[in-house]
Protein backbone atom coordinates (compact mmCIF):
# COMPACT_ATOMS: atom_id res chain seq x y z
CA MET A 1 1.64 8.76 12.96
CA GLN A 2 0.91 5.21 13.93
CA SER A 3 -2.42 4.29 15.42
CA LYS A 4 -2.72 2.07 18.45
CA ALA A 5 -5.99 0.64 17.10
CA LYS A 6 -6.13 -3.15 17.19
CA THR A 7 -8.70 -3.55 14.40
CA VAL A 8 -9.49 -1.80 11.15
CA SER A 9 -12.94 -0.85 12.49
CA GLU A 10 -11.38 0.69 15.59
CA TYR A 11 -8.91 2.58 13.38
CA LEU A 12 -11.68 3.99 11.18
CA GLU A 13 -13.76 5.01 14.21
CA SER A 14 -10.79 6.97 15.55
CA LEU A 15 -10.62 9.23 12.48
CA PRO A 16 -12.25 12.66 12.21
CA PRO A 17 -15.37 12.59 9.98
CA ASP A 18 -13.75 14.20 6.92
CA ARG A 19 -10.83 11.75 6.98
CA LYS A 20 -13.01 8.78 7.88
CA LYS A 21 -15.06 9.15 4.70
CA ILE A 22 -12.18 9.28 2.23
CA VAL A 23 -10.13 6.60 4.01
CA THR A 24 -13.24 4.38 4.01
CA ASP A 25 -13.77 5.08 0.29
CA ILE A 26 -10.13 4.23 -0.53
CA ARG A 27 -10.33 1.07 1.59
CA LYS A 28 -13.50 -0.05 -0.20
CA LYS A 29 -11.88 0.57 -3.59
CA ILE A 30 -8.83 -1.47 -2.58
CA LYS A 31 -10.89 -4.33 -1.16
CA SER A 32 -13.13 -4.55 -4.21
CA ASN A 33 -10.18 -4.71 -6.62
CA LEU A 34 -7.42 -6.52 -4.75
CA PRO A 35 -6.57 -9.98 -6.13
CA LYS A 36 -7.37 -12.99 -3.94
CA GLY A 37 -4.70 -14.08 -1.49
CA PHE A 38 -4.04 -10.80 0.28
CA LYS A 39 -5.39 -10.28 3.79
CA GLU A 40 -6.55 -7.06 5.44
CA GLU A 41 -5.27 -6.36 8.96
CA MET A 42 -3.75 -3.63 11.06
CA SER A 43 -0.12 -3.40 10.00
CA TYR A 44 2.43 -0.90 11.31
CA GLY A 45 -0.37 1.12 12.92
CA MET A 46 -2.18 1.48 9.57
CA ILE A 47 -4.75 -0.42 7.55
CA GLY A 48 -2.67 -3.05 5.83
CA PHE A 49 -3.13 -5.52 3.02
CA VAL A 50 -0.54 -8.24 3.44
CA VAL A 51 0.53 -11.60 2.08
CA PRO A 52 -0.30 -13.82 5.08
CA HIS A 53 2.08 -16.44 6.44
CA SER A 54 -0.28 -19.13 5.10
CA VAL A 55 0.70 -17.97 1.59
CA TYR A 56 4.27 -16.82 2.30
CA PRO A 57 5.60 -18.49 5.47
CA LYS A 58 8.92 -16.60 5.37
CA GLY A 59 7.16 -13.34 6.24
CA TYR A 60 8.87 -9.97 6.00
CA HIS A 61 12.67 -10.49 5.87
CA ALA A 62 13.50 -7.84 8.49
CA THR A 63 10.85 -9.14 10.91
CA PRO A 64 9.87 -12.68 9.84
CA GLN A 65 7.09 -12.97 12.42
CA LEU A 66 5.22 -10.27 10.48
CA PRO A 67 3.43 -11.08 7.22
CA LEU A 68 4.77 -9.60 4.00
CA PRO A 69 3.35 -6.06 3.65
CA PHE A 70 1.93 -4.99 0.30
CA ILE A 71 -0.39 -1.98 0.66
CA ASN A 72 -0.92 0.28 3.66
CA LEU A 73 -3.42 3.10 4.08
CA ALA A 74 -3.18 5.76 6.77
CA SER A 75 -4.49 9.12 7.86
CA GLN A 76 -1.41 11.16 8.72
CA LYS A 77 -1.30 14.60 10.33
CA ASN A 78 -1.36 16.61 7.08
CA TYR A 79 -2.35 14.06 4.45
CA ILE A 80 -3.63 10.59 3.66
CA SER A 81 -0.95 8.13 2.65
CA LEU A 82 -1.24 5.10 0.43
CA TYR A 83 1.81 2.85 0.44
CA HIS A 84 2.03 0.37 -2.45
CA MET A 85 5.22 -1.66 -2.16
CA GLY A 86 5.06 -2.70 -5.82
CA LEU A 87 5.57 0.93 -6.90
CA MET A 88 9.21 1.20 -5.89
CA GLU A 89 10.46 0.83 -9.47
CA GLY A 90 9.79 -0.74 -12.82
CA PRO A 91 6.93 -0.95 -15.31
CA LEU A 92 4.16 -0.64 -12.71
CA LEU A 93 5.58 2.66 -11.49
CA ASP A 94 5.91 3.91 -15.07
CA TRP A 95 2.31 2.90 -15.79
CA PHE A 96 1.07 4.59 -12.63
CA ARG A 97 2.82 7.89 -13.35
CA ALA A 98 1.43 7.97 -16.91
CA GLU A 99 -2.11 7.11 -15.76
CA TRP A 100 -1.94 9.68 -12.95
CA LYS A 101 -1.59 12.44 -15.55
CA LYS A 102 -4.69 11.12 -17.34
CA SER A 103 -6.72 10.68 -14.14
CA THR A 104 -6.28 13.96 -12.31
CA THR A 105 -5.02 17.51 -12.65
CA SER A 106 -3.45 17.43 -9.18
CA ARG A 107 0.32 17.07 -8.86
CA LEU A 108 1.59 13.60 -7.93
CA ASP A 109 3.08 13.79 -4.43
CA MET A 110 4.99 10.55 -4.08
CA GLY A 111 7.96 9.06 -2.26
CA LYS A 112 9.48 5.65 -3.01
CA CYS A 113 6.19 3.80 -2.57
CA CYS A 114 4.08 6.35 -0.70
CA ILE A 115 1.44 8.42 -2.46
CA ARG A 116 0.29 11.41 -0.40
CA PHE A 117 -3.13 13.04 -0.76
CA LYS A 118 -3.54 16.43 0.92
CA LYS A 119 -7.19 16.87 -0.13
CA PRO A 120 -9.87 14.17 -0.37
CA GLU A 121 -11.01 15.51 -3.73
CA ASP A 122 -7.52 14.80 -5.13
CA VAL A 123 -7.84 11.04 -4.60
CA PRO A 124 -8.33 9.28 -7.96
CA LEU A 125 -10.34 6.31 -6.67
CA GLU A 126 -10.71 4.62 -10.05
CA LEU A 127 -6.96 4.76 -10.64
CA ILE A 128 -6.33 3.27 -7.21
CA GLY A 129 -8.72 0.46 -8.09
CA GLU A 130 -6.85 -0.20 -11.34
CA LEU A 131 -3.49 -0.08 -9.54
CA VAL A 132 -4.35 -2.67 -6.91
CA LYS A 133 -5.62 -5.10 -9.59
CA LYS A 134 -2.24 -5.20 -11.29
CA MET A 135 -0.28 -7.43 -8.91
CA THR A 136 -1.17 -10.82 -7.46
CA PRO A 137 0.37 -12.17 -4.26
CA ALA A 138 2.58 -14.49 -6.36
CA GLN A 139 3.80 -11.56 -8.48
CA TRP A 140 4.48 -9.45 -5.38
CA ILE A 141 6.41 -12.29 -3.72
CA GLU A 142 8.52 -12.73 -6.87
CA LYS A 143 9.30 -9.00 -7.05
CA TYR A 144 9.97 -8.82 -3.31
CA GLU A 145 12.36 -11.80 -3.32
CA ALA A 146 14.25 -10.39 -6.32
CA SER A 147 14.62 -7.07 -4.49
CA VAL A 148 15.88 -8.73 -1.29
CA SER A 149 18.34 -10.82 -3.31
CA THR A 150 19.68 -7.70 -5.07
CA GLN A 151 20.09 -5.90 -1.73
CA GLU A 152 22.00 -8.88 -0.28
CA LYS A 153 24.36 -8.96 -3.28
CA LYS A 154 25.06 -5.23 -2.90
CA ARG A 155 25.84 -5.69 0.81
CA LYS A 156 28.26 -8.53 0.07
CA LYS A 157 30.14 -6.38 -2.47
CA ALA A 158 30.48 -3.46 -0.03
């Protein structure tokens, strides 16, 4: 569910107390570990960490007026979601899955790039901190552009 909040502070204030605490804790962990060059803002109705146009003027290919999304954090109806676009495939995803097993006894509930946490106590904050350290804006842009290029080639073949 997308929030209509215009600022991160407004978004956090709109959360129920139990969700506000863990979302705030995750946000702090992300902010304290995220490489320089990303910018925090409301993105897609969630807390977003993006590559700003000042770093990547092309923006998001589907909607170029938007900055390139990287990480989003949201309180959904039944869980907290953490979207990390760099986790769609490859060595980072493999690393994350292996480290998850070492970090927590809870089952990994994950979609393509969305990690879902049903209970605040299941959030491995230290692992999230390690995860967000692992990709700079330049590395994310490189991975993103390679992915877009691959998608375009597949479309042309079809």
